[in-house]
Amino acid sequence: GIELFTRLGDVNSLVHLQFLLGLSLSFAGRRDEASAA
């Protein structure tokens, strides 16, 4: 979704989804990737 929202230029959704990516990675225990997100 981040890749698509970046292409579409929707910053509102991009910010929210960027956080949601980090949260998903944190929940999955992938903390280094979450930190990058």
PDB file of all heavy atoms in Angstrom:
ATOM      1  N   GLY A   1       0.812  -1.205   0.000  1.00  0.00           N
ATOM      2  CA  GLY A   1       0.000   0.000   0.000  1.00  0.00           C
ATOM      3  C   GLY A   1       0.849   1.260   0.000  1.00  0.00           C
ATOM      4  O   GLY A   1       0.510   2.249  -0.670  1.00  0.00           O
ATOM      5  N   ILE A   2       1.954   1.250   0.739  1.00  0.00           N
ATOM      6  CA  ILE A   2       2.849   2.414   0.776  1.00  0.00           C
ATOM      7  C   ILE A   2       3.396   2.710  -0.615  1.00  0.00           C
ATOM      8  O   ILE A   2       3.460   3.871  -1.047  1.00  0.00           O
ATOM      9  CB  ILE A   2       3.984   2.165   1.783  1.00  0.00           C
ATOM     10  CG1 ILE A   2       3.434   2.240   3.210  1.00  0.00           C
ATOM     11  CG2 ILE A   2       5.121   3.159   1.585  1.00  0.00           C
ATOM     12  CD1 ILE A   2       4.406   1.769   4.274  1.00  0.00           C
ATOM     13  N   GLU A   3       3.779   1.680  -1.313  1.00  0.00           N
ATOM     14  CA  GLU A   3       4.295   1.868  -2.671  1.00  0.00           C
ATOM     15  C   GLU A   3       3.245   2.513  -3.567  1.00  0.00           C
ATOM     16  O   GLU A   3       3.543   3.444  -4.337  1.00  0.00           O
ATOM     17  CB  GLU A   3       4.719   0.512  -3.242  1.00  0.00           C
ATOM     18  CG  GLU A   3       5.299   0.591  -4.648  1.00  0.00           C
ATOM     19  CD  GLU A   3       5.712  -0.772  -5.177  1.00  0.00           C
ATOM     20  OE1 GLU A   3       5.774  -1.732  -4.379  1.00  0.00           O
ATOM     21  OE2 GLU A   3       5.961  -0.880  -6.390  1.00  0.00           O
ATOM     22  N   LEU A   4       1.993   2.075  -3.441  1.00  0.00           N
ATOM     23  CA  LEU A   4       0.932   2.613  -4.294  1.00  0.00           C
ATOM     24  C   LEU A   4       0.545   4.030  -3.874  1.00  0.00           C
ATOM     25  O   LEU A   4       0.355   4.916  -4.716  1.00  0.00           O
ATOM     26  CB  LEU A   4      -0.280   1.679  -4.241  1.00  0.00           C
ATOM     27  CG  LEU A   4      -1.420   1.954  -5.246  1.00  0.00           C
ATOM     28  CD1 LEU A   4      -0.884   2.137  -6.655  1.00  0.00           C
ATOM     29  CD2 LEU A   4      -2.434   0.820  -5.198  1.00  0.00           C
ATOM     30  N   PHE A   5       0.418   4.288  -2.571  1.00  0.00           N
ATOM     31  CA  PHE A   5       0.074   5.634  -2.107  1.00  0.00           C
ATOM     32  C   PHE A   5       1.180   6.635  -2.445  1.00  0.00           C
ATOM     33  O   PHE A   5       0.895   7.810  -2.710  1.00  0.00           O
ATOM     34  CB  PHE A   5      -0.178   5.633  -0.594  1.00  0.00           C
ATOM     35  CG  PHE A   5      -1.536   5.162  -0.199  1.00  0.00           C
ATOM     36  CD1 PHE A   5      -1.695   4.114   0.698  1.00  0.00           C
ATOM     37  CD2 PHE A   5      -2.673   5.762  -0.718  1.00  0.00           C
ATOM     38  CE1 PHE A   5      -2.955   3.676   1.068  1.00  0.00           C
ATOM     39  CE2 PHE A   5      -3.940   5.328  -0.348  1.00  0.00           C
ATOM     40  CZ  PHE A   5      -4.080   4.275   0.546  1.00  0.00           C
ATOM     41  N   THR A   6       2.426   6.197  -2.445  1.00  0.00           N
ATOM     42  CA  THR A   6       3.521   7.077  -2.833  1.00  0.00           C
ATOM     43  C   THR A   6       3.365   7.497  -4.289  1.00  0.00           C
ATOM     44  O   THR A   6       3.542   8.675  -4.638  1.00  0.00           O
ATOM     45  CB  THR A   6       4.872   6.374  -2.627  1.00  0.00           C
ATOM     46  OG1 THR A   6       5.013   6.023  -1.248  1.00  0.00           O
ATOM     47  CG2 THR A   6       6.023   7.285  -3.038  1.00  0.00           C
ATOM     48  N   ARG A   7       3.008   6.558  -5.132  1.00  0.00           N
ATOM     49  CA  ARG A   7       2.818   6.868  -6.547  1.00  0.00           C
ATOM     50  C   ARG A   7       1.615   7.779  -6.761  1.00  0.00           C
ATOM     51  O   ARG A   7       1.632   8.669  -7.616  1.00  0.00           O
ATOM     52  CB  ARG A   7       2.656   5.559  -7.335  1.00  0.00           C
ATOM     53  CG  ARG A   7       2.704   5.766  -8.840  1.00  0.00           C
ATOM     54  CD  ARG A   7       2.910   4.484  -9.590  1.00  0.00           C
ATOM     55  NE  ARG A   7       1.717   3.658  -9.630  1.00  0.00           N
ATOM     56  CZ  ARG A   7       1.615   2.471  -9.055  1.00  0.00           C
ATOM     57  NH1 ARG A   7       2.641   1.967  -8.391  1.00  0.00           N
ATOM     58  NH2 ARG A   7       0.500   1.771  -9.129  1.00  0.00           N
ATOM     59  N   LEU A   8       0.579   7.593  -5.937  1.00  0.00           N
ATOM     60  CA  LEU A   8      -0.633   8.402  -6.077  1.00  0.00           C
ATOM     61  C   LEU A   8      -0.502   9.769  -5.406  1.00  0.00           C
ATOM     62  O   LEU A   8      -1.319  10.654  -5.654  1.00  0.00           O
ATOM     63  CB  LEU A   8      -1.824   7.651  -5.476  1.00  0.00           C
ATOM     64  CG  LEU A   8      -2.241   6.368  -6.194  1.00  0.00           C
ATOM     65  CD1 LEU A   8      -3.276   5.606  -5.370  1.00  0.00           C
ATOM     66  CD2 LEU A   8      -2.803   6.686  -7.579  1.00  0.00           C
ATOM     67  N   GLY A   9       0.486   9.927  -4.535  1.00  0.00           N
ATOM     68  CA  GLY A   9       0.696  11.219  -3.880  1.00  0.00           C
ATOM     69  C   GLY A   9      -0.245  11.506  -2.729  1.00  0.00           C
ATOM     70  O   GLY A   9      -0.478  12.676  -2.391  1.00  0.00           O
ATOM     71  N   ASP A  10      -0.776  10.471  -2.074  1.00  0.00           N
ATOM     72  CA  ASP A  10      -1.696  10.648  -0.939  1.00  0.00           C
ATOM     73  C   ASP A  10      -0.889  10.611   0.358  1.00  0.00           C
ATOM     74  O   ASP A  10      -0.648   9.549   0.937  1.00  0.00           O
ATOM     75  CB  ASP A  10      -2.748   9.535  -0.952  1.00  0.00           C
ATOM     76  CG  ASP A  10      -3.796   9.702   0.150  1.00  0.00           C
ATOM     77  OD1 ASP A  10      -3.618  10.590   1.012  1.00  0.00           O
ATOM     78  OD2 ASP A  10      -4.776   8.932   0.160  1.00  0.00           O
ATOM     79  N   VAL A  11      -0.479  11.805   0.844  1.00  0.00           N
ATOM     80  CA  VAL A  11       0.376  11.877   2.032  1.00  0.00           C
ATOM     81  C   VAL A  11      -0.396  11.460   3.279  1.00  0.00           C
ATOM     82  O   VAL A  11       0.153  10.819   4.180  1.00  0.00           O
ATOM     83  CB  VAL A  11       0.949  13.297   2.197  1.00  0.00           C
ATOM     84  CG1 VAL A  11       1.796  13.400   3.471  1.00  0.00           C
ATOM     85  CG2 VAL A  11       1.783  13.664   0.987  1.00  0.00           C
ATOM     86  N   ASN A  12      -1.683  11.832   3.374  1.00  0.00           N
ATOM     87  CA  ASN A  12      -2.484  11.464   4.552  1.00  0.00           C
ATOM     88  C   ASN A  12      -2.463   9.959   4.780  1.00  0.00           C
ATOM     89  O   ASN A  12      -2.136   9.468   5.872  1.00  0.00           O
ATOM     90  CB  ASN A  12      -3.930  11.935   4.374  1.00  0.00           C
ATOM     91  CG  ASN A  12      -4.095  13.412   4.639  1.00  0.00           C
ATOM     92  OD1 ASN A  12      -3.292  14.016   5.336  1.00  0.00           O
ATOM     93  ND2 ASN A  12      -5.131  14.005   4.078  1.00  0.00           N
ATOM     94  N   SER A  13      -2.843   9.226   3.753  1.00  0.00           N
ATOM     95  CA  SER A  13      -2.890   7.770   3.879  1.00  0.00           C
ATOM     96  C   SER A  13      -1.490   7.188   4.021  1.00  0.00           C
ATOM     97  O   SER A  13      -1.290   6.186   4.733  1.00  0.00           O
ATOM     98  CB  SER A  13      -3.587   7.157   2.665  1.00  0.00           C
ATOM     99  OG  SER A  13      -4.928   7.609   2.577  1.00  0.00           O
ATOM    100  N   LEU A  14      -0.513   7.815   3.369  1.00  0.00           N
ATOM    101  CA  LEU A  14       0.855   7.319   3.418  1.00  0.00           C
ATOM    102  C   LEU A  14       1.402   7.360   4.848  1.00  0.00           C
ATOM    103  O   LEU A  14       2.022   6.396   5.314  1.00  0.00           O
ATOM    104  CB  LEU A  14       1.736   8.157   2.492  1.00  0.00           C
ATOM    105  CG  LEU A  14       3.178   7.677   2.278  1.00  0.00           C
ATOM    106  CD1 LEU A  14       3.196   6.276   1.690  1.00  0.00           C
ATOM    107  CD2 LEU A  14       3.915   8.657   1.356  1.00  0.00           C
ATOM    108  N   VAL A  15       1.165   8.466   5.565  1.00  0.00           N
ATOM    109  CA  VAL A  15       1.650   8.585   6.945  1.00  0.00           C
ATOM    110  C   VAL A  15       1.014   7.512   7.821  1.00  0.00           C
ATOM    111  O   VAL A  15       1.696   6.842   8.611  1.00  0.00           O
ATOM    112  CB  VAL A  15       1.349   9.990   7.499  1.00  0.00           C
ATOM    113  CG1 VAL A  15       1.595  10.037   9.009  1.00  0.00           C
ATOM    114  CG2 VAL A  15       2.215  11.025   6.805  1.00  0.00           C
ATOM    115  N   HIS A  16      -0.299   7.352   7.690  1.00  0.00           N
ATOM    116  CA  HIS A  16      -0.994   6.369   8.512  1.00  0.00           C
ATOM    117  C   HIS A  16      -0.497   4.960   8.213  1.00  0.00           C
ATOM    118  O   HIS A  16      -0.232   4.166   9.126  1.00  0.00           O
ATOM    119  CB  HIS A  16      -2.497   6.472   8.271  1.00  0.00           C
ATOM    120  CG  HIS A  16      -3.306   5.706   9.263  1.00  0.00           C
ATOM    121  ND1 HIS A  16      -4.677   5.625   9.218  1.00  0.00           N
ATOM    122  CD2 HIS A  16      -2.945   4.958  10.327  1.00  0.00           C
ATOM    123  CE1 HIS A  16      -5.109   4.879  10.220  1.00  0.00           C
ATOM    124  NE2 HIS A  16      -4.083   4.457  10.907  1.00  0.00           N
ATOM    125  N   LEU A  17      -0.349   4.649   6.953  1.00  0.00           N
ATOM    126  CA  LEU A  17       0.045   3.297   6.583  1.00  0.00           C
ATOM    127  C   LEU A  17       1.511   3.032   6.932  1.00  0.00           C
ATOM    128  O   LEU A  17       1.891   1.893   7.234  1.00  0.00           O
ATOM    129  CB  LEU A  17      -0.195   3.069   5.095  1.00  0.00           C
ATOM    130  CG  LEU A  17      -0.364   1.616   4.643  1.00  0.00           C
ATOM    131  CD1 LEU A  17      -1.402   0.902   5.481  1.00  0.00           C
ATOM    132  CD2 LEU A  17      -0.739   1.552   3.177  1.00  0.00           C
ATOM    133  N   GLN A  18       2.337   4.097   6.914  1.00  0.00           N
ATOM    134  CA  GLN A  18       3.728   3.923   7.312  1.00  0.00           C
ATOM    135  C   GLN A  18       3.813   3.537   8.793  1.00  0.00           C
ATOM    136  O   GLN A  18       4.599   2.675   9.182  1.00  0.00           O
ATOM    137  CB  GLN A  18       4.509   5.212   7.068  1.00  0.00           C
ATOM    138  CG  GLN A  18       6.010   5.058   7.177  1.00  0.00           C
ATOM    139  CD  GLN A  18       6.604   4.215   6.052  1.00  0.00           C
ATOM    140  OE1 GLN A  18       6.469   4.549   4.877  1.00  0.00           O
ATOM    141  NE2 GLN A  18       7.256   3.126   6.407  1.00  0.00           N
ATOM    142  N   PHE A  19       2.969   4.169   9.616  1.00  0.00           N
ATOM    143  CA  PHE A  19       2.899   3.760  11.019  1.00  0.00           C
ATOM    144  C   PHE A  19       2.363   2.337  11.146  1.00  0.00           C
ATOM    145  O   PHE A  19       2.880   1.528  11.926  1.00  0.00           O
ATOM    146  CB  PHE A  19       2.001   4.703  11.816  1.00  0.00           C
ATOM    147  CG  PHE A  19       1.449   4.079  13.073  1.00  0.00           C
ATOM    148  CD1 PHE A  19       2.276   3.802  14.152  1.00  0.00           C
ATOM    149  CD2 PHE A  19       0.106   3.711  13.155  1.00  0.00           C
ATOM    150  CE1 PHE A  19       1.782   3.186  15.295  1.00  0.00           C
ATOM    151  CE2 PHE A  19      -0.398   3.096  14.294  1.00  0.00           C
ATOM    152  CZ  PHE A  19       0.443   2.838  15.368  1.00  0.00           C
ATOM    153  N   LEU A  20       1.316   2.018  10.379  1.00  0.00           N
ATOM    154  CA  LEU A  20       0.720   0.685  10.471  1.00  0.00           C
ATOM    155  C   LEU A  20       1.722  -0.386  10.056  1.00  0.00           C
ATOM    156  O   LEU A  20       1.734  -1.490  10.627  1.00  0.00           O
ATOM    157  CB  LEU A  20      -0.536   0.625   9.596  1.00  0.00           C
ATOM    158  CG  LEU A  20      -1.448  -0.588   9.775  1.00  0.00           C
ATOM    159  CD1 LEU A  20      -1.880  -0.747  11.221  1.00  0.00           C
ATOM    160  CD2 LEU A  20      -2.678  -0.451   8.872  1.00  0.00           C
ATOM    161  N   LEU A  21       2.590  -0.061   9.096  1.00  0.00           N
ATOM    162  CA  LEU A  21       3.651  -1.002   8.714  1.00  0.00           C
ATOM    163  C   LEU A  21       4.574  -1.254   9.908  1.00  0.00           C
ATOM    164  O   LEU A  21       4.909  -2.407  10.230  1.00  0.00           O
ATOM    165  CB  LEU A  21       4.452  -0.446   7.539  1.00  0.00           C
ATOM    166  CG  LEU A  21       5.731  -1.223   7.166  1.00  0.00           C
ATOM    167  CD1 LEU A  21       5.410  -2.655   6.758  1.00  0.00           C
ATOM    168  CD2 LEU A  21       6.490  -0.493   6.056  1.00  0.00           C
ATOM    169  N   GLY A  22       4.994  -0.167  10.574  1.00  0.00           N
ATOM    170  CA  GLY A  22       5.855  -0.335  11.737  1.00  0.00           C
ATOM    171  C   GLY A  22       5.189  -1.148  12.831  1.00  0.00           C
ATOM    172  O   GLY A  22       5.821  -2.029  13.451  1.00  0.00           O
ATOM    173  N   LEU A  23       3.915  -0.884  13.069  1.00  0.00           N
ATOM    174  CA  LEU A  23       3.189  -1.611  14.108  1.00  0.00           C
ATOM    175  C   LEU A  23       3.110  -3.098  13.774  1.00  0.00           C
ATOM    176  O   LEU A  23       3.309  -3.960  14.643  1.00  0.00           O
ATOM    177  CB  LEU A  23       1.790  -1.021  14.266  1.00  0.00           C
ATOM    178  CG  LEU A  23       0.919  -1.637  15.362  1.00  0.00           C
ATOM    179  CD1 LEU A  23       1.507  -1.320  16.733  1.00  0.00           C
ATOM    180  CD2 LEU A  23      -0.516  -1.114  15.274  1.00  0.00           C
ATOM    181  N   SER A  24       2.818  -3.413  12.523  1.00  0.00           N
ATOM    182  CA  SER A  24       2.731  -4.819  12.114  1.00  0.00           C
ATOM    183  C   SER A  24       4.071  -5.519  12.316  1.00  0.00           C
ATOM    184  O   SER A  24       4.129  -6.657  12.817  1.00  0.00           O
ATOM    185  CB  SER A  24       2.310  -4.914  10.645  1.00  0.00           C
ATOM    186  OG  SER A  24       1.063  -4.292  10.429  1.00  0.00           O
ATOM    187  N   LEU A  25       5.146  -4.837  11.944  1.00  0.00           N
ATOM    188  CA  LEU A  25       6.472  -5.429  12.104  1.00  0.00           C
ATOM    189  C   LEU A  25       6.828  -5.607  13.580  1.00  0.00           C
ATOM    190  O   LEU A  25       7.445  -6.608  13.979  1.00  0.00           O
ATOM    191  CB  LEU A  25       7.516  -4.560  11.401  1.00  0.00           C
ATOM    192  CG  LEU A  25       7.425  -4.534   9.868  1.00  0.00           C
ATOM    193  CD1 LEU A  25       8.283  -3.403   9.305  1.00  0.00           C
ATOM    194  CD2 LEU A  25       7.845  -5.879   9.271  1.00  0.00           C
ATOM    195  N   SER A  26       6.427  -4.625  14.412  1.00  0.00           N
ATOM    196  CA  SER A  26       6.663  -4.759  15.855  1.00  0.00           C
ATOM    197  C   SER A  26       5.899  -5.948  16.410  1.00  0.00           C
ATOM    198  O   SER A  26       6.436  -6.750  17.186  1.00  0.00           O
ATOM    199  CB  SER A  26       6.239  -3.477  16.584  1.00  0.00           C
ATOM    200  OG  SER A  26       7.080  -2.402  16.271  1.00  0.00           O
ATOM    201  N   PHE A  27       4.641  -6.060  16.029  1.00  0.00           N
ATOM    202  CA  PHE A  27       3.827  -7.179  16.499  1.00  0.00           C
ATOM    203  C   PHE A  27       4.413  -8.519  16.047  1.00  0.00           C
ATOM    204  O   PHE A  27       4.291  -9.526  16.748  1.00  0.00           O
ATOM    205  CB  PHE A  27       2.403  -7.045  15.973  1.00  0.00           C
ATOM    206  CG  PHE A  27       1.557  -6.034  16.704  1.00  0.00           C
ATOM    207  CD1 PHE A  27       0.270  -5.745  16.275  1.00  0.00           C
ATOM    208  CD2 PHE A  27       2.037  -5.364  17.818  1.00  0.00           C
ATOM    209  CE1 PHE A  27      -0.520  -4.828  16.941  1.00  0.00           C
ATOM    210  CE2 PHE A  27       1.268  -4.436  18.487  1.00  0.00           C
ATOM    211  CZ  PHE A  27      -0.023  -4.164  18.052  1.00  0.00           C
ATOM    212  N   ALA A  28       5.052  -8.516  14.863  1.00  0.00           N
ATOM    213  CA  ALA A  28       5.639  -9.750  14.332  1.00  0.00           C
ATOM    214  C   ALA A  28       7.013 -10.037  14.930  1.00  0.00           C
ATOM    215  O   ALA A  28       7.632 -11.054  14.597  1.00  0.00           O
ATOM    216  CB  ALA A  28       5.739  -9.667  12.815  1.00  0.00           C
ATOM    217  N   GLY A  29       7.503  -9.148  15.800  1.00  0.00           N
ATOM    218  CA  GLY A  29       8.807  -9.350  16.412  1.00  0.00           C
ATOM    219  C   GLY A  29       9.967  -8.953  15.521  1.00  0.00           C
ATOM    220  O   GLY A  29      11.129  -9.235  15.846  1.00  0.00           O
ATOM    221  N   ARG A  30       9.721  -8.283  14.418  1.00  0.00           N
ATOM    222  CA  ARG A  30      10.770  -7.870  13.469  1.00  0.00           C
ATOM    223  C   ARG A  30      11.144  -6.421  13.783  1.00  0.00           C
ATOM    224  O   ARG A  30      10.855  -5.498  13.034  1.00  0.00           O
ATOM    225  CB  ARG A  30      10.258  -8.042  12.044  1.00  0.00           C
ATOM    226  CG  ARG A  30       9.949  -9.489  11.699  1.00  0.00           C
ATOM    227  CD  ARG A  30       8.927  -9.669  10.583  1.00  0.00           C
ATOM    228  NE  ARG A  30       9.340  -9.070   9.324  1.00  0.00           N
ATOM    229  CZ  ARG A  30       8.589  -9.071   8.223  1.00  0.00           C
ATOM    230  NH1 ARG A  30       7.377  -9.651   8.245  1.00  0.00           N
ATOM    231  NH2 ARG A  30       9.016  -8.497   7.124  1.00  0.00           N
ATOM    232  N   ARG A  31      11.818  -6.237  14.906  1.00  0.00           N
ATOM    233  CA  ARG A  31      11.966  -4.896  15.471  1.00  0.00           C
ATOM    234  C   ARG A  31      12.943  -4.018  14.692  1.00  0.00           C
ATOM    235  O   ARG A  31      12.781  -2.797  14.652  1.00  0.00           O
ATOM    236  CB  ARG A  31      12.362  -5.006  16.946  1.00  0.00           C
ATOM    237  CG  ARG A  31      11.266  -5.671  17.782  1.00  0.00           C
ATOM    238  CD  ARG A  31      11.452  -5.477  19.280  1.00  0.00           C
ATOM    239  NE  ARG A  31      10.312  -6.055  19.979  1.00  0.00           N
ATOM    240  CZ  ARG A  31      10.289  -7.273  20.503  1.00  0.00           C
ATOM    241  NH1 ARG A  31      11.360  -8.040  20.405  1.00  0.00           N
ATOM    242  NH2 ARG A  31       9.220  -7.739  21.112  1.00  0.00           N
ATOM    243  N   ASP A  32      13.953  -4.570  14.095  1.00  0.00           N
ATOM    244  CA  ASP A  32      14.868  -3.751  13.290  1.00  0.00           C
ATOM    245  C   ASP A  32      14.141  -3.176  12.082  1.00  0.00           C
ATOM    246  O   ASP A  32      14.305  -1.995  11.738  1.00  0.00           O
ATOM    247  CB  ASP A  32      16.074  -4.581  12.838  1.00  0.00           C
ATOM    248  CG  ASP A  32      17.007  -4.923  13.996  1.00  0.00           C
ATOM    249  OD1 ASP A  32      16.929  -4.233  15.029  1.00  0.00           O
ATOM    250  OD2 ASP A  32      17.793  -5.889  13.863  1.00  0.00           O
ATOM    251  N   GLU A  33      13.335  -4.011  11.431  1.00  0.00           N
ATOM    252  CA  GLU A  33      12.549  -3.522  10.291  1.00  0.00           C
ATOM    253  C   GLU A  33      11.509  -2.506  10.757  1.00  0.00           C
ATOM    254  O   GLU A  33      11.236  -1.515  10.066  1.00  0.00           O
ATOM    255  CB  GLU A  33      11.853  -4.687   9.595  1.00  0.00           C
ATOM    256  CG  GLU A  33      12.790  -5.693   8.955  1.00  0.00           C
ATOM    257  CD  GLU A  33      12.036  -6.905   8.428  1.00  0.00           C
ATOM    258  OE1 GLU A  33      11.405  -6.774   7.365  1.00  0.00           O
ATOM    259  OE2 GLU A  33      12.053  -7.958   9.100  1.00  0.00           O
ATOM    260  N   ALA A  34      10.925  -2.747  11.933  1.00  0.00           N
ATOM    261  CA  ALA A  34       9.941  -1.808  12.464  1.00  0.00           C
ATOM    262  C   ALA A  34      10.575  -0.447  12.715  1.00  0.00           C
ATOM    263  O   ALA A  34       9.992   0.597  12.409  1.00  0.00           O
ATOM    264  CB  ALA A  34       9.342  -2.358  13.761  1.00  0.00           C
ATOM    265  N   SER A  35      11.800  -0.443  13.267  1.00  0.00           N
ATOM    266  CA  SER A  35      12.493   0.818  13.531  1.00  0.00           C
ATOM    267  C   SER A  35      12.689   1.605  12.241  1.00  0.00           C
ATOM    268  O   SER A  35      12.508   2.835  12.214  1.00  0.00           O
ATOM    269  CB  SER A  35      13.846   0.531  14.198  1.00  0.00           C
ATOM    270  OG  SER A  35      14.541   1.727  14.454  1.00  0.00           O
ATOM    271  N   ALA A  36      13.038   0.928  11.165  1.00  0.00           N
ATOM    272  CA  ALA A  36      13.206   1.600   9.871  1.00  0.00           C
ATOM    273  C   ALA A  36      11.879   2.179   9.385  1.00  0.00           C
ATOM    274  O   ALA A  36      11.835   3.286   8.820  1.00  0.00           O
ATOM    275  CB  ALA A  36      13.772   0.616   8.848  1.00  0.00           C
ATOM    276  N   ALA A  37      10.789   1.448   9.609  1.00  0.00           N
ATOM    277  CA  ALA A  37       9.466   1.942   9.196  1.00  0.00           C
ATOM    278  C   ALA A  37       9.080   3.184   9.989  1.00  0.00           C
ATOM    279  O   ALA A  37       8.526   4.140   9.429  1.00  0.00           O
ATOM    280  CB  ALA A  37       8.424   0.841   9.391  1.00  0.00           C
TER     281      ALA A  37
END
